[in-house]
Amino acid sequence: MQHPTATQIVLHDLMGKEQHRQAVLPQHNNSLNLVHLPRGIFLLSYWHQGQQLQHEKLLKKSKR
């Protein structure tokens, strides 16, 4: 996961419940360990200094 200025990523389920939050380094390839989450659709948001920069849908297909 990469965004040029994001310092944090937040993952919500479709009910709006926060499932994961992680600090990231801008302009680096960052990875997410989502093995603890069930299959489904999640909303991934990129944040910097309290402002949402971008969001996208993430589909997790299996428990791996």
PDB file of N, CA and C in Angstrom:
ATOM      1  N   MET A   1       0.839  -1.151   0.000  1.00  0.00           N
ATOM      2  CA  MET A   1       0.000   0.000   0.000  1.00  0.00           C
ATOM      3  C   MET A   1       0.897   1.232   0.000  1.00  0.00           C
ATOM      4  N   GLN A   2       0.580   2.132  -0.867  1.00  0.00           N
ATOM      5  CA  GLN A   2       1.431   3.313  -0.974  1.00  0.00           C
ATOM      6  C   GLN A   2       0.588   4.536  -1.292  1.00  0.00           C
ATOM      7  N   HIS A   3       0.888   5.616  -0.626  1.00  0.00           N
ATOM      8  CA  HIS A   3       0.293   6.922  -0.906  1.00  0.00           C
ATOM      9  C   HIS A   3       1.393   7.942  -0.660  1.00  0.00           C
ATOM     10  N   PRO A   4       1.506   8.975  -1.485  1.00  0.00           N
ATOM     11  CA  PRO A   4       2.645   9.893  -1.370  1.00  0.00           C
ATOM     12  C   PRO A   4       2.731  10.679  -0.070  1.00  0.00           C
ATOM     13  N   THR A   5       1.612  10.919   0.614  1.00  0.00           N
ATOM     14  CA  THR A   5       1.674  11.731   1.837  1.00  0.00           C
ATOM     15  C   THR A   5       0.998  11.100   3.046  1.00  0.00           C
ATOM     16  N   ALA A   6       0.330   9.970   2.888  1.00  0.00           N
ATOM     17  CA  ALA A   6      -0.399   9.360   4.008  1.00  0.00           C
ATOM     18  C   ALA A   6       0.548   8.892   5.103  1.00  0.00           C
ATOM     19  N   THR A   7       0.147   9.096   6.342  1.00  0.00           N
ATOM     20  CA  THR A   7       0.923   8.624   7.490  1.00  0.00           C
ATOM     21  C   THR A   7       0.152   7.590   8.298  1.00  0.00           C
ATOM     22  N   GLN A   8      -1.102   7.340   7.915  1.00  0.00           N
ATOM     23  CA  GLN A   8      -1.912   6.354   8.625  1.00  0.00           C
ATOM     24  C   GLN A   8      -2.948   5.772   7.669  1.00  0.00           C
ATOM     25  N   ILE A   9      -3.205   4.473   7.830  1.00  0.00           N
ATOM     26  CA  ILE A   9      -4.291   3.852   7.087  1.00  0.00           C
ATOM     27  C   ILE A   9      -5.280   3.277   8.084  1.00  0.00           C
ATOM     28  N   VAL A  10      -6.553   3.350   7.727  1.00  0.00           N
ATOM     29  CA  VAL A  10      -7.625   2.858   8.588  1.00  0.00           C
ATOM     30  C   VAL A  10      -8.544   1.993   7.738  1.00  0.00           C
ATOM     31  N   LEU A  11      -8.920   0.842   8.282  1.00  0.00           N
ATOM     32  CA  LEU A  11      -9.771  -0.096   7.575  1.00  0.00           C
ATOM     33  C   LEU A  11     -11.077  -0.254   8.344  1.00  0.00           C
ATOM     34  N   HIS A  12     -12.208  -0.033   7.658  1.00  0.00           N
ATOM     35  CA  HIS A  12     -13.535  -0.184   8.261  1.00  0.00           C
ATOM     36  C   HIS A  12     -14.308  -1.274   7.525  1.00  0.00           C
ATOM     37  N   ASP A  13     -15.186  -1.966   8.258  1.00  0.00           N
ATOM     38  CA  ASP A  13     -16.097  -2.881   7.581  1.00  0.00           C
ATOM     39  C   ASP A  13     -17.261  -2.069   7.017  1.00  0.00           C
ATOM     40  N   LEU A  14     -18.177  -2.724   6.328  1.00  0.00           N
ATOM     41  CA  LEU A  14     -19.273  -1.997   5.689  1.00  0.00           C
ATOM     42  C   LEU A  14     -20.300  -1.460   6.681  1.00  0.00           C
ATOM     43  N   MET A  15     -20.229  -1.890   7.927  1.00  0.00           N
ATOM     44  CA  MET A  15     -21.107  -1.350   8.968  1.00  0.00           C
ATOM     45  C   MET A  15     -20.491  -0.112   9.617  1.00  0.00           C
ATOM     46  N   GLY A  16     -19.263   0.228   9.220  1.00  0.00           N
ATOM     47  CA  GLY A  16     -18.594   1.417   9.745  1.00  0.00           C
ATOM     48  C   GLY A  16     -17.701   1.162  10.940  1.00  0.00           C
ATOM     49  N   LYS A  17     -17.579  -0.092  11.359  1.00  0.00           N
ATOM     50  CA  LYS A  17     -16.743  -0.422  12.515  1.00  0.00           C
ATOM     51  C   LYS A  17     -15.273  -0.488  12.092  1.00  0.00           C
ATOM     52  N   GLU A  18     -14.433   0.203  12.850  1.00  0.00           N
ATOM     53  CA  GLU A  18     -12.997   0.173  12.556  1.00  0.00           C
ATOM     54  C   GLU A  18     -12.447  -1.216  12.848  1.00  0.00           C
ATOM     55  N   GLN A  19     -11.768  -1.796  11.867  1.00  0.00           N
ATOM     56  CA  GLN A  19     -11.212  -3.137  11.993  1.00  0.00           C
ATOM     57  C   GLN A  19      -9.690  -3.142  12.111  1.00  0.00           C
ATOM     58  N   HIS A  20      -9.050  -2.089  11.619  1.00  0.00           N
ATOM     59  CA  HIS A  20      -7.582  -2.056  11.634  1.00  0.00           C
ATOM     60  C   HIS A  20      -7.117  -0.613  11.470  1.00  0.00           C
ATOM     61  N   ARG A  21      -6.050  -0.268  12.178  1.00  0.00           N
ATOM     62  CA  ARG A  21      -5.430   1.056  12.062  1.00  0.00           C
ATOM     63  C   ARG A  21      -3.923   0.832  12.114  1.00  0.00           C
ATOM     64  N   GLN A  22      -3.209   1.516  11.238  1.00  0.00           N
ATOM     65  CA  GLN A  22      -1.766   1.295  11.171  1.00  0.00           C
ATOM     66  C   GLN A  22      -1.054   2.553  10.694  1.00  0.00           C
ATOM     67  N   ALA A  23       0.025   2.885  11.358  1.00  0.00           N
ATOM     68  CA  ALA A  23       0.889   3.979  10.900  1.00  0.00           C
ATOM     69  C   ALA A  23       1.691   3.481   9.705  1.00  0.00           C
ATOM     70  N   VAL A  24       1.896   4.358   8.731  1.00  0.00           N
ATOM     71  CA  VAL A  24       2.664   4.009   7.534  1.00  0.00           C
ATOM     72  C   VAL A  24       3.670   5.111   7.230  1.00  0.00           C
ATOM     73  N   LEU A  25       4.650   4.762   6.447  1.00  0.00           N
ATOM     74  CA  LEU A  25       5.650   5.731   6.007  1.00  0.00           C
ATOM     75  C   LEU A  25       5.273   6.231   4.621  1.00  0.00           C
ATOM     76  N   PRO A  26       5.132   7.548   4.444  1.00  0.00           N
ATOM     77  CA  PRO A  26       4.797   8.082   3.120  1.00  0.00           C
ATOM     78  C   PRO A  26       5.839   7.676   2.077  1.00  0.00           C
ATOM     79  N   GLN A  27       5.386   7.423   0.880  1.00  0.00           N
ATOM     80  CA  GLN A  27       6.221   7.092  -0.270  1.00  0.00           C
ATOM     81  C   GLN A  27       7.040   5.819  -0.077  1.00  0.00           C
ATOM     82  N   HIS A  28       6.564   4.922   0.776  1.00  0.00           N
ATOM     83  CA  HIS A  28       7.191   3.613   0.956  1.00  0.00           C
ATOM     84  C   HIS A  28       6.146   2.544   0.648  1.00  0.00           C
ATOM     85  N   ASN A  29       6.609   1.374   0.275  1.00  0.00           N
ATOM     86  CA  ASN A  29       5.695   0.252   0.115  1.00  0.00           C
ATOM     87  C   ASN A  29       5.401  -0.301   1.496  1.00  0.00           C
ATOM     88  N   ASN A  30       4.181  -0.122   1.950  1.00  0.00           N
ATOM     89  CA  ASN A  30       3.742  -0.607   3.252  1.00  0.00           C
ATOM     90  C   ASN A  30       2.845  -1.815   3.035  1.00  0.00           C
ATOM     91  N   SER A  31       2.815  -2.718   4.000  1.00  0.00           N
ATOM     92  CA  SER A  31       1.966  -3.901   3.868  1.00  0.00           C
ATOM     93  C   SER A  31       0.994  -3.976   5.037  1.00  0.00           C
ATOM     94  N   LEU A  32      -0.111  -4.658   4.797  1.00  0.00           N
ATOM     95  CA  LEU A  32      -1.131  -4.885   5.817  1.00  0.00           C
ATOM     96  C   LEU A  32      -1.226  -6.372   6.093  1.00  0.00           C
ATOM     97  N   ASN A  33      -1.282  -6.744   7.354  1.00  0.00           N
ATOM     98  CA  ASN A  33      -1.536  -8.125   7.724  1.00  0.00           C
ATOM     99  C   ASN A  33      -3.009  -8.211   8.100  1.00  0.00           C
ATOM    100  N   LEU A  34      -3.808  -8.784   7.229  1.00  0.00           N
ATOM    101  CA  LEU A  34      -5.252  -8.859   7.436  1.00  0.00           C
ATOM    102  C   LEU A  34      -5.729 -10.280   7.697  1.00  0.00           C
ATOM    103  N   VAL A  35      -4.829 -11.144   8.108  1.00  0.00           N
ATOM    104  CA  VAL A  35      -5.167 -12.545   8.319  1.00  0.00           C
ATOM    105  C   VAL A  35      -6.235 -12.704   9.407  1.00  0.00           C
ATOM    106  N   HIS A  36      -6.325 -11.768  10.342  1.00  0.00           N
ATOM    107  CA  HIS A  36      -7.290 -11.859  11.440  1.00  0.00           C
ATOM    108  C   HIS A  36      -8.704 -11.457  11.031  1.00  0.00           C
ATOM    109  N   LEU A  37      -8.871 -10.924   9.833  1.00  0.00           N
ATOM    110  CA  LEU A  37     -10.183 -10.468   9.379  1.00  0.00           C
ATOM    111  C   LEU A  37     -10.901 -11.544   8.570  1.00  0.00           C
ATOM    112  N   PRO A  38     -12.234 -11.560   8.638  1.00  0.00           N
ATOM    113  CA  PRO A  38     -12.997 -12.508   7.820  1.00  0.00           C
ATOM    114  C   PRO A  38     -13.037 -12.055   6.363  1.00  0.00           C
ATOM    115  N   ARG A  39     -13.536 -12.933   5.500  1.00  0.00           N
ATOM    116  CA  ARG A  39     -13.752 -12.540   4.106  1.00  0.00           C
ATOM    117  C   ARG A  39     -14.759 -11.409   4.060  1.00  0.00           C
ATOM    118  N   GLY A  40     -14.631 -10.551   3.070  1.00  0.00           N
ATOM    119  CA  GLY A  40     -15.615  -9.494   2.916  1.00  0.00           C
ATOM    120  C   GLY A  40     -15.052  -8.263   2.249  1.00  0.00           C
ATOM    121  N   ILE A  41     -15.888  -7.226   2.227  1.00  0.00           N
ATOM    122  CA  ILE A  41     -15.523  -5.950   1.627  1.00  0.00           C
ATOM    123  C   ILE A  41     -15.238  -4.955   2.744  1.00  0.00           C
ATOM    124  N   PHE A  42     -14.150  -4.229   2.601  1.00  0.00           N
ATOM    125  CA  PHE A  42     -13.735  -3.251   3.601  1.00  0.00           C
ATOM    126  C   PHE A  42     -13.442  -1.924   2.908  1.00  0.00           C
ATOM    127  N   LEU A  43     -13.496  -0.854   3.666  1.00  0.00           N
ATOM    128  CA  LEU A  43     -13.156   0.471   3.159  1.00  0.00           C
ATOM    129  C   LEU A  43     -11.809   0.872   3.730  1.00  0.00           C
ATOM    130  N   LEU A  44     -10.864   1.129   2.877  1.00  0.00           N
ATOM    131  CA  LEU A  44      -9.503   1.493   3.256  1.00  0.00           C
ATOM    132  C   LEU A  44      -9.334   2.994   3.060  1.00  0.00           C
ATOM    133  N   SER A  45      -8.936   3.694   4.120  1.00  0.00           N
ATOM    134  CA  SER A  45      -8.764   5.150   4.056  1.00  0.00           C
ATOM    135  C   SER A  45      -7.323   5.514   4.351  1.00  0.00           C
ATOM    136  N   TYR A  46      -6.823   6.478   3.600  1.00  0.00           N
ATOM    137  CA  TYR A  46      -5.481   7.021   3.813  1.00  0.00           C
ATOM    138  C   TYR A  46      -5.627   8.365   4.517  1.00  0.00           C
ATOM    139  N   TRP A  47      -4.857   8.581   5.593  1.00  0.00           N
ATOM    140  CA  TRP A  47      -4.973   9.792   6.412  1.00  0.00           C
ATOM    141  C   TRP A  47      -3.621  10.462   6.611  1.00  0.00           C
ATOM    142  N   HIS A  48      -3.672  11.786   6.799  1.00  0.00           N
ATOM    143  CA  HIS A  48      -2.484  12.562   7.163  1.00  0.00           C
ATOM    144  C   HIS A  48      -2.945  13.764   7.975  1.00  0.00           C
ATOM    145  N   GLN A  49      -2.401  13.915   9.158  1.00  0.00           N
ATOM    146  CA  GLN A  49      -2.700  15.029  10.064  1.00  0.00           C
ATOM    147  C   GLN A  49      -4.200  15.246  10.241  1.00  0.00           C
ATOM    148  N   GLY A  50      -4.920  14.144  10.480  1.00  0.00           N
ATOM    149  CA  GLY A  50      -6.345  14.234  10.770  1.00  0.00           C
ATOM    150  C   GLY A  50      -7.250  14.443   9.572  1.00  0.00           C
ATOM    151  N   GLN A  51      -6.708  14.434   8.374  1.00  0.00           N
ATOM    152  CA  GLN A  51      -7.523  14.617   7.176  1.00  0.00           C
ATOM    153  C   GLN A  51      -7.466  13.378   6.298  1.00  0.00           C
ATOM    154  N   GLN A  52      -8.642  12.962   5.851  1.00  0.00           N
ATOM    155  CA  GLN A  52      -8.707  11.827   4.941  1.00  0.00           C
ATOM    156  C   GLN A  52      -8.274  12.279   3.556  1.00  0.00           C
ATOM    157  N   LEU A  53      -7.298  11.564   2.995  1.00  0.00           N
ATOM    158  CA  LEU A  53      -6.745  11.927   1.694  1.00  0.00           C
ATOM    159  C   LEU A  53      -7.403  11.167   0.550  1.00  0.00           C
ATOM    160  N   GLN A  54      -7.718   9.908   0.810  1.00  0.00           N
ATOM    161  CA  GLN A  54      -8.223   9.034  -0.245  1.00  0.00           C
ATOM    162  C   GLN A  54      -8.877   7.839   0.418  1.00  0.00           C
ATOM    163  N   HIS A  55      -9.814   7.206  -0.271  1.00  0.00           N
ATOM    164  CA  HIS A  55     -10.369   5.948   0.211  1.00  0.00           C
ATOM    165  C   HIS A  55     -10.634   5.029  -0.978  1.00  0.00           C
ATOM    166  N   GLU A  56     -10.663   3.745  -0.683  1.00  0.00           N
ATOM    167  CA  GLU A  56     -10.918   2.756  -1.721  1.00  0.00           C
ATOM    168  C   GLU A  56     -11.498   1.504  -1.096  1.00  0.00           C
ATOM    169  N   LYS A  57     -12.150   0.694  -1.922  1.00  0.00           N
ATOM    170  CA  LYS A  57     -12.703  -0.574  -1.457  1.00  0.00           C
ATOM    171  C   LYS A  57     -11.619  -1.642  -1.503  1.00  0.00           C
ATOM    172  N   LEU A  58     -11.670  -2.542  -0.531  1.00  0.00           N
ATOM    173  CA  LEU A  58     -10.733  -3.650  -0.470  1.00  0.00           C
ATOM    174  C   LEU A  58     -11.554  -4.922  -0.316  1.00  0.00           C
ATOM    175  N   LEU A  59     -11.316  -5.904  -1.151  1.00  0.00           N
ATOM    176  CA  LEU A  59     -12.024  -7.173  -1.097  1.00  0.00           C
ATOM    177  C   LEU A  59     -11.080  -8.237  -0.571  1.00  0.00           C
ATOM    178  N   LYS A  60     -11.456  -8.844   0.556  1.00  0.00           N
ATOM    179  CA  LYS A  60     -10.670  -9.950   1.103  1.00  0.00           C
ATOM    180  C   LYS A  60     -11.405 -11.233   0.753  1.00  0.00           C
ATOM    181  N   LYS A  61     -10.733 -12.091  -0.009  1.00  0.00           N
ATOM    182  CA  LYS A  61     -11.389 -13.281  -0.541  1.00  0.00           C
ATOM    183  C   LYS A  61     -11.292 -14.510   0.346  1.00  0.00           C
ATOM    184  N   SER A  62     -10.252 -14.619   1.176  1.00  0.00           N
ATOM    185  CA  SER A  62     -10.106 -15.819   2.004  1.00  0.00           C
ATOM    186  C   SER A  62      -9.454 -15.470   3.331  1.00  0.00           C
ATOM    187  N   LYS A  63      -9.379 -16.447   4.241  1.00  0.00           N
ATOM    188  CA  LYS A  63      -8.787 -16.238   5.563  1.00  0.00           C
ATOM    189  C   LYS A  63      -7.269 -16.175   5.510  1.00  0.00           C
ATOM    190  N   ARG A  64      -6.652 -16.360   4.359  1.00  0.00           N
ATOM    191  CA  ARG A  64      -5.195 -16.322   4.244  1.00  0.00           C
ATOM    192  C   ARG A  64      -4.710 -14.940   3.960  1.00  0.00           C
TER     193      ARG A  64
END
